[in-house]
Amino acid sequence: MASSTGLKVLLLLAIVATSCMAQAPSGAPRVSPTATPTPAPVAPPTHTPSPSPAPRSKAPTAGPAASPPEAPTSASPAPGVAGPTSQAPAAGPTSNQTPSDGSNNGFVSRAAIGGTAFAAALVAVALM
């Protein structure tokens, strides 16, 4: 029976230690008010040569000679001309949260550890 009680105590200590580590609050990361977001690097534009039109073959026709209808062509930039570059994205809305003054950090930590210890004591009494 003595080894059973020792095992229970060892398990309870392990539970308390695990609970304390899991519930220990840590401070939120602080962002400097002067920090600015870094824009994503812009890849240089790639130059793709425009395809050259295939030569038209002149075949004899039996009817009156009519010029073939030409398809409207879109204005394509010359291969040596760079396209328009995209602007850097505008900075998003900033949060309205005020930075914590750190006055209650110790209290929250102590309350979490104390609550865990109290719950562990209740569990220990229930198991004995």
N, C-alpha and C. Protein backbone atom coordinates (compact mmCIF):
# COMPACT_ATOMS: atom_id res chain seq x y z
N MET A 1 0.81 -1.19 0.00
CA MET A 1 0.00 0.00 0.00
C MET A 1 0.85 1.26 0.00
N ALA A 2 2.01 1.21 0.60
CA ALA A 2 2.86 2.39 0.69
C ALA A 2 3.33 2.82 -0.69
N SER A 3 3.61 1.85 -1.55
CA SER A 3 4.06 2.22 -2.90
C SER A 3 2.93 2.84 -3.71
N SER A 4 1.70 2.44 -3.44
CA SER A 4 0.55 3.02 -4.14
C SER A 4 0.38 4.49 -3.76
N THR A 5 0.55 4.81 -2.48
CA THR A 5 0.42 6.20 -2.03
C THR A 5 1.57 7.04 -2.59
N GLY A 6 2.76 6.48 -2.60
CA GLY A 6 3.91 7.19 -3.16
C GLY A 6 3.73 7.47 -4.64
N LEU A 7 3.15 6.50 -5.35
CA LEU A 7 2.91 6.68 -6.77
C LEU A 7 1.87 7.79 -7.01
N LYS A 8 0.83 7.82 -6.14
CA LYS A 8 -0.19 8.86 -6.27
C LYS A 8 0.42 10.25 -6.04
N VAL A 9 1.26 10.35 -5.04
CA VAL A 9 1.89 11.64 -4.74
C VAL A 9 2.80 12.06 -5.90
N LEU A 10 3.55 11.11 -6.44
CA LEU A 10 4.44 11.42 -7.56
C LEU A 10 3.63 11.87 -8.78
N LEU A 11 2.52 11.20 -9.05
CA LEU A 11 1.67 11.59 -10.17
C LEU A 11 1.05 12.97 -9.95
N LEU A 12 0.64 13.25 -8.73
CA LEU A 12 0.06 14.56 -8.43
C LEU A 12 1.09 15.68 -8.59
N LEU A 13 2.32 15.41 -8.15
CA LEU A 13 3.36 16.42 -8.34
C LEU A 13 3.63 16.66 -9.82
N ALA A 14 3.59 15.59 -10.61
CA ALA A 14 3.79 15.74 -12.05
C ALA A 14 2.65 16.55 -12.67
N ILE A 15 1.41 16.30 -12.21
CA ILE A 15 0.27 17.06 -12.73
C ILE A 15 0.38 18.53 -12.36
N VAL A 16 0.76 18.81 -11.12
CA VAL A 16 0.90 20.20 -10.68
C VAL A 16 1.99 20.91 -11.48
N ALA A 17 3.12 20.24 -11.65
CA ALA A 17 4.21 20.87 -12.39
C ALA A 17 3.80 21.13 -13.84
N THR A 18 3.12 20.17 -14.45
CA THR A 18 2.69 20.36 -15.84
C THR A 18 1.66 21.47 -15.95
N SER A 19 0.72 21.52 -15.01
CA SER A 19 -0.31 22.56 -15.05
C SER A 19 0.29 23.94 -14.85
N CYS A 20 1.24 24.05 -13.97
CA CYS A 20 1.86 25.36 -13.73
C CYS A 20 2.61 25.84 -14.96
N MET A 21 3.29 24.93 -15.63
CA MET A 21 4.03 25.34 -16.82
C MET A 21 3.09 25.69 -17.96
N ALA A 22 1.97 24.97 -18.06
CA ALA A 22 1.05 25.21 -19.17
C ALA A 22 0.26 26.50 -18.97
N GLN A 23 0.01 26.90 -17.74
CA GLN A 23 -0.82 28.07 -17.49
C GLN A 23 -0.03 29.32 -17.18
N ALA A 24 1.26 29.22 -17.15
CA ALA A 24 2.06 30.40 -16.83
C ALA A 24 1.92 31.41 -17.97
N PRO A 25 1.33 32.57 -17.70
CA PRO A 25 1.14 33.54 -18.78
C PRO A 25 2.46 34.23 -19.12
N SER A 26 2.59 34.56 -20.34
CA SER A 26 3.76 35.31 -20.76
C SER A 26 3.28 36.62 -21.35
N GLY A 27 4.13 37.60 -21.31
CA GLY A 27 3.76 38.91 -21.82
C GLY A 27 3.58 38.88 -23.32
N ALA A 28 2.68 39.71 -23.80
CA ALA A 28 2.45 39.81 -25.23
C ALA A 28 3.66 40.48 -25.89
N PRO A 29 3.98 40.08 -27.09
CA PRO A 29 5.11 40.73 -27.76
C PRO A 29 4.79 42.20 -28.03
N ARG A 30 5.77 43.02 -27.86
CA ARG A 30 5.57 44.46 -28.04
C ARG A 30 6.17 44.89 -29.37
N VAL A 31 5.43 45.70 -30.08
CA VAL A 31 5.89 46.22 -31.35
C VAL A 31 6.29 47.66 -31.15
N SER A 32 7.44 47.99 -31.67
CA SER A 32 7.92 49.36 -31.54
C SER A 32 7.00 50.31 -32.30
N PRO A 33 6.67 51.46 -31.71
CA PRO A 33 5.80 52.40 -32.43
C PRO A 33 6.45 52.98 -33.67
N THR A 34 7.76 52.91 -33.76
CA THR A 34 8.44 53.45 -34.94
C THR A 34 8.67 52.39 -36.00
N ALA A 35 8.24 51.16 -35.75
CA ALA A 35 8.44 50.08 -36.72
C ALA A 35 7.56 50.30 -37.94
N THR A 36 8.13 50.06 -39.09
CA THR A 36 7.36 50.17 -40.33
C THR A 36 7.41 48.83 -41.04
N PRO A 37 6.34 48.45 -41.71
CA PRO A 37 6.36 47.17 -42.41
C PRO A 37 7.30 47.23 -43.60
N THR A 38 7.98 46.15 -43.83
CA THR A 38 8.88 46.09 -44.97
C THR A 38 8.11 45.58 -46.18
N PRO A 39 8.20 46.28 -47.30
CA PRO A 39 7.46 45.82 -48.48
C PRO A 39 8.10 44.56 -49.05
N ALA A 40 7.28 43.78 -49.71
CA ALA A 40 7.77 42.56 -50.34
C ALA A 40 8.68 42.94 -51.50
N PRO A 41 9.73 42.16 -51.72
CA PRO A 41 10.63 42.49 -52.83
C PRO A 41 9.89 42.31 -54.16
N VAL A 42 10.12 43.26 -55.06
CA VAL A 42 9.47 43.22 -56.36
C VAL A 42 10.41 42.55 -57.35
N ALA A 43 9.90 41.54 -58.05
CA ALA A 43 10.71 40.84 -59.04
C ALA A 43 10.87 41.73 -60.26
N PRO A 44 12.04 41.72 -60.88
CA PRO A 44 12.23 42.53 -62.08
C PRO A 44 11.34 42.00 -63.20
N PRO A 45 10.81 42.88 -64.03
CA PRO A 45 9.93 42.41 -65.10
C PRO A 45 10.71 41.58 -66.11
N THR A 46 10.07 40.54 -66.57
CA THR A 46 10.71 39.67 -67.56
C THR A 46 10.28 40.14 -68.95
N HIS A 47 11.21 40.13 -69.86
CA HIS A 47 10.92 40.55 -71.23
C HIS A 47 10.62 39.32 -72.06
N THR A 48 9.42 39.27 -72.59
CA THR A 48 9.05 38.16 -73.47
C THR A 48 8.90 38.71 -74.87
N PRO A 49 9.56 38.12 -75.83
CA PRO A 49 9.44 38.62 -77.20
C PRO A 49 8.04 38.34 -77.73
N SER A 50 7.51 39.29 -78.48
CA SER A 50 6.18 39.09 -79.05
C SER A 50 6.31 38.17 -80.26
N PRO A 51 5.34 37.29 -80.46
CA PRO A 51 5.45 36.36 -81.59
C PRO A 51 5.29 37.11 -82.91
N SER A 52 6.11 36.73 -83.86
CA SER A 52 6.03 37.39 -85.17
C SER A 52 4.93 36.72 -85.99
N PRO A 53 4.19 37.49 -86.78
CA PRO A 53 3.11 36.89 -87.57
C PRO A 53 3.68 36.00 -88.67
N ALA A 54 2.95 34.94 -88.96
CA ALA A 54 3.39 34.01 -90.01
C ALA A 54 3.18 34.67 -91.37
N PRO A 55 4.08 34.42 -92.32
CA PRO A 55 3.90 35.01 -93.65
C PRO A 55 2.67 34.42 -94.33
N ARG A 56 1.94 35.28 -95.00
CA ARG A 56 0.73 34.84 -95.68
C ARG A 56 1.11 34.32 -97.08
N SER A 57 0.49 33.23 -97.41
CA SER A 57 0.76 32.67 -98.75
C SER A 57 -0.27 33.23 -99.72
N LYS A 58 0.19 33.61 -100.88
CA LYS A 58 -0.71 34.14 -101.91
C LYS A 58 -1.16 32.97 -102.77
N ALA A 59 -2.42 32.64 -102.65
CA ALA A 59 -2.98 31.56 -103.47
C ALA A 59 -3.89 32.20 -104.51
N PRO A 60 -3.91 31.65 -105.72
CA PRO A 60 -4.79 32.23 -106.75
C PRO A 60 -6.25 32.01 -106.38
N THR A 61 -7.04 33.03 -106.55
CA THR A 61 -8.47 32.94 -106.27
C THR A 61 -9.25 33.15 -107.55
N ALA A 62 -10.43 32.57 -107.62
CA ALA A 62 -11.23 32.66 -108.84
C ALA A 62 -12.10 33.91 -108.86
N GLY A 63 -12.34 34.53 -107.77
CA GLY A 63 -13.25 35.67 -107.71
C GLY A 63 -12.51 36.98 -107.78
N PRO A 64 -13.26 38.06 -107.53
CA PRO A 64 -12.59 39.36 -107.52
C PRO A 64 -11.61 39.44 -106.35
N ALA A 65 -10.56 40.12 -106.56
CA ALA A 65 -9.53 40.23 -105.54
C ALA A 65 -10.01 41.17 -104.44
N ALA A 66 -10.24 40.60 -103.26
CA ALA A 66 -10.65 41.40 -102.12
C ALA A 66 -9.59 41.26 -101.04
N SER A 67 -9.34 42.35 -100.39
CA SER A 67 -8.32 42.29 -99.35
C SER A 67 -8.89 41.53 -98.15
N PRO A 68 -8.10 40.68 -97.54
CA PRO A 68 -8.60 39.93 -96.38
C PRO A 68 -8.86 40.89 -95.22
N PRO A 69 -9.91 40.63 -94.43
CA PRO A 69 -10.17 41.52 -93.28
C PRO A 69 -9.06 41.39 -92.25
N GLU A 70 -8.66 42.51 -91.74
CA GLU A 70 -7.59 42.50 -90.75
C GLU A 70 -8.20 42.52 -89.35
N ALA A 71 -7.66 41.70 -88.50
CA ALA A 71 -8.13 41.66 -87.12
C ALA A 71 -7.55 42.86 -86.38
N PRO A 72 -8.32 43.44 -85.48
CA PRO A 72 -7.76 44.57 -84.73
C PRO A 72 -6.62 44.08 -83.85
N THR A 73 -5.55 44.81 -83.86
CA THR A 73 -4.38 44.43 -83.06
C THR A 73 -4.31 45.33 -81.85
N SER A 74 -3.89 44.74 -80.75
CA SER A 74 -3.72 45.55 -79.55
C SER A 74 -2.32 46.11 -79.53
N ALA A 75 -2.18 47.25 -78.95
CA ALA A 75 -0.87 47.88 -78.88
C ALA A 75 -0.03 47.13 -77.86
N SER A 76 1.03 46.52 -78.34
CA SER A 76 1.91 45.80 -77.43
C SER A 76 3.18 46.60 -77.27
N PRO A 77 3.74 46.59 -76.08
CA PRO A 77 4.96 47.37 -75.87
C PRO A 77 6.13 46.73 -76.60
N ALA A 78 7.08 47.55 -76.95
CA ALA A 78 8.28 47.05 -77.60
C ALA A 78 9.06 46.19 -76.62
N PRO A 79 9.85 45.24 -77.13
CA PRO A 79 10.58 44.36 -76.21
C PRO A 79 11.54 45.09 -75.29
N GLY A 80 12.07 46.21 -75.69
CA GLY A 80 13.04 46.91 -74.85
C GLY A 80 12.40 47.83 -73.83
N VAL A 81 11.08 48.02 -73.91
CA VAL A 81 10.41 48.95 -73.00
C VAL A 81 9.90 48.19 -71.79
N ALA A 82 10.19 48.68 -70.62
CA ALA A 82 9.72 48.02 -69.40
C ALA A 82 8.26 48.38 -69.17
N GLY A 83 7.51 47.43 -68.64
CA GLY A 83 6.09 47.65 -68.35
C GLY A 83 5.93 48.50 -67.10
N PRO A 84 4.71 48.85 -66.79
CA PRO A 84 4.48 49.66 -65.58
C PRO A 84 4.82 48.85 -64.34
N THR A 85 5.44 49.50 -63.41
CA THR A 85 5.81 48.82 -62.17
C THR A 85 4.71 49.02 -61.16
N SER A 86 4.52 48.02 -60.32
CA SER A 86 3.47 48.11 -59.31
C SER A 86 3.99 48.91 -58.12
N GLN A 87 3.09 49.62 -57.52
CA GLN A 87 3.44 50.42 -56.35
C GLN A 87 3.46 49.53 -55.11
N ALA A 88 4.21 49.93 -54.12
CA ALA A 88 4.25 49.18 -52.86
C ALA A 88 2.88 49.28 -52.19
N PRO A 89 2.43 48.20 -51.53
CA PRO A 89 1.12 48.26 -50.88
C PRO A 89 1.12 49.29 -49.76
N ALA A 90 -0.01 49.93 -49.61
CA ALA A 90 -0.13 50.93 -48.55
C ALA A 90 -0.17 50.24 -47.20
N ALA A 91 0.29 50.93 -46.20
CA ALA A 91 0.29 50.35 -44.86
C ALA A 91 -1.15 50.14 -44.41
N GLY A 92 -1.40 49.01 -43.78
CA GLY A 92 -2.74 48.67 -43.32
C GLY A 92 -3.13 49.51 -42.12
N PRO A 93 -4.36 49.36 -41.69
CA PRO A 93 -4.80 50.13 -40.52
C PRO A 93 -4.05 49.69 -39.28
N THR A 94 -3.72 50.63 -38.46
CA THR A 94 -3.01 50.31 -37.23
C THR A 94 -4.00 49.96 -36.15
N SER A 95 -3.57 49.15 -35.21
CA SER A 95 -4.47 48.77 -34.13
C SER A 95 -4.55 49.90 -33.11
N ASN A 96 -5.67 49.97 -32.44
CA ASN A 96 -5.89 51.02 -31.45
C ASN A 96 -5.60 50.54 -30.04
N GLN A 97 -4.85 49.47 -29.90
CA GLN A 97 -4.55 48.95 -28.58
C GLN A 97 -3.43 49.77 -27.96
N THR A 98 -3.62 50.08 -26.71
CA THR A 98 -2.57 50.79 -26.00
C THR A 98 -1.61 49.78 -25.41
N PRO A 99 -0.34 50.07 -25.34
CA PRO A 99 0.60 49.11 -24.77
C PRO A 99 0.34 48.92 -23.28
N SER A 100 0.58 47.70 -22.83
CA SER A 100 0.36 47.39 -21.42
C SER A 100 1.44 48.07 -20.58
N ASP A 101 1.02 48.56 -19.45
CA ASP A 101 2.00 49.20 -18.57
C ASP A 101 2.72 48.19 -17.70
N GLY A 102 2.29 46.94 -17.70
CA GLY A 102 2.97 45.89 -16.96
C GLY A 102 2.71 45.92 -15.47
N SER A 103 1.68 46.61 -15.01
CA SER A 103 1.45 46.71 -13.57
C SER A 103 0.83 45.45 -12.99
N ASN A 104 0.13 44.64 -13.80
CA ASN A 104 -0.53 43.47 -13.23
C ASN A 104 0.06 42.15 -13.71
N ASN A 105 1.22 42.18 -14.35
CA ASN A 105 1.82 40.94 -14.85
C ASN A 105 2.13 39.97 -13.72
N GLY A 106 2.69 40.44 -12.63
CA GLY A 106 3.02 39.56 -11.51
C GLY A 106 1.78 39.00 -10.84
N PHE A 107 0.73 39.80 -10.73
CA PHE A 107 -0.50 39.34 -10.08
C PHE A 107 -1.15 38.22 -10.89
N VAL A 108 -1.20 38.36 -12.19
CA VAL A 108 -1.82 37.34 -13.04
C VAL A 108 -1.04 36.05 -12.94
N SER A 109 0.27 36.13 -12.95
CA SER A 109 1.10 34.93 -12.85
C SER A 109 0.88 34.25 -11.50
N ARG A 110 0.86 35.01 -10.43
CA ARG A 110 0.66 34.43 -9.10
C ARG A 110 -0.73 33.83 -8.97
N ALA A 111 -1.73 34.48 -9.54
CA ALA A 111 -3.10 33.96 -9.47
C ALA A 111 -3.22 32.65 -10.23
N ALA A 112 -2.57 32.54 -11.37
CA ALA A 112 -2.64 31.30 -12.14
C ALA A 112 -1.95 30.16 -11.40
N ILE A 113 -0.81 30.42 -10.83
CA ILE A 113 -0.08 29.37 -10.10
C ILE A 113 -0.83 29.01 -8.83
N GLY A 114 -1.37 30.00 -8.13
CA GLY A 114 -2.13 29.72 -6.91
C GLY A 114 -3.39 28.92 -7.19
N GLY A 115 -4.10 29.27 -8.25
CA GLY A 115 -5.30 28.52 -8.62
C GLY A 115 -4.98 27.09 -9.01
N THR A 116 -3.88 26.90 -9.71
CA THR A 116 -3.47 25.55 -10.08
C THR A 116 -3.10 24.74 -8.85
N ALA A 117 -2.39 25.35 -7.92
CA ALA A 117 -2.00 24.64 -6.70
C ALA A 117 -3.24 24.28 -5.87
N PHE A 118 -4.20 25.19 -5.80
CA PHE A 118 -5.43 24.91 -5.05
C PHE A 118 -6.21 23.76 -5.69
N ALA A 119 -6.32 23.77 -7.01
CA ALA A 119 -7.03 22.69 -7.70
C ALA A 119 -6.29 21.36 -7.52
N ALA A 120 -4.97 21.40 -7.53
CA ALA A 120 -4.20 20.17 -7.33
C ALA A 120 -4.39 19.64 -5.91
N ALA A 121 -4.49 20.55 -4.94
CA ALA A 121 -4.73 20.11 -3.57
C ALA A 121 -6.10 19.45 -3.44
N LEU A 122 -7.11 20.00 -4.10
CA LEU A 122 -8.43 19.37 -4.08
C LEU A 122 -8.41 17.98 -4.73
N VAL A 123 -7.69 17.85 -5.82
CA VAL A 123 -7.59 16.54 -6.49
C VAL A 123 -6.85 15.56 -5.59
N ALA A 124 -5.81 16.03 -4.92
CA ALA A 124 -5.05 15.15 -4.04
C ALA A 124 -5.92 14.65 -2.89
N VAL A 125 -6.72 15.52 -2.31
CA VAL A 125 -7.61 15.11 -1.22
C VAL A 125 -8.65 14.12 -1.74
N ALA A 126 -9.15 14.34 -2.94
CA ALA A 126 -10.16 13.43 -3.50
C ALA A 126 -9.58 12.05 -3.79
N LEU A 127 -8.31 11.97 -4.17
CA LEU A 127 -7.70 10.67 -4.49
C LEU A 127 -7.28 9.91 -3.24
N MET A 128 -7.10 10.55 -2.11
CA MET A 128 -6.62 9.86 -0.91
C MET A 128 -7.72 9.23 -0.14
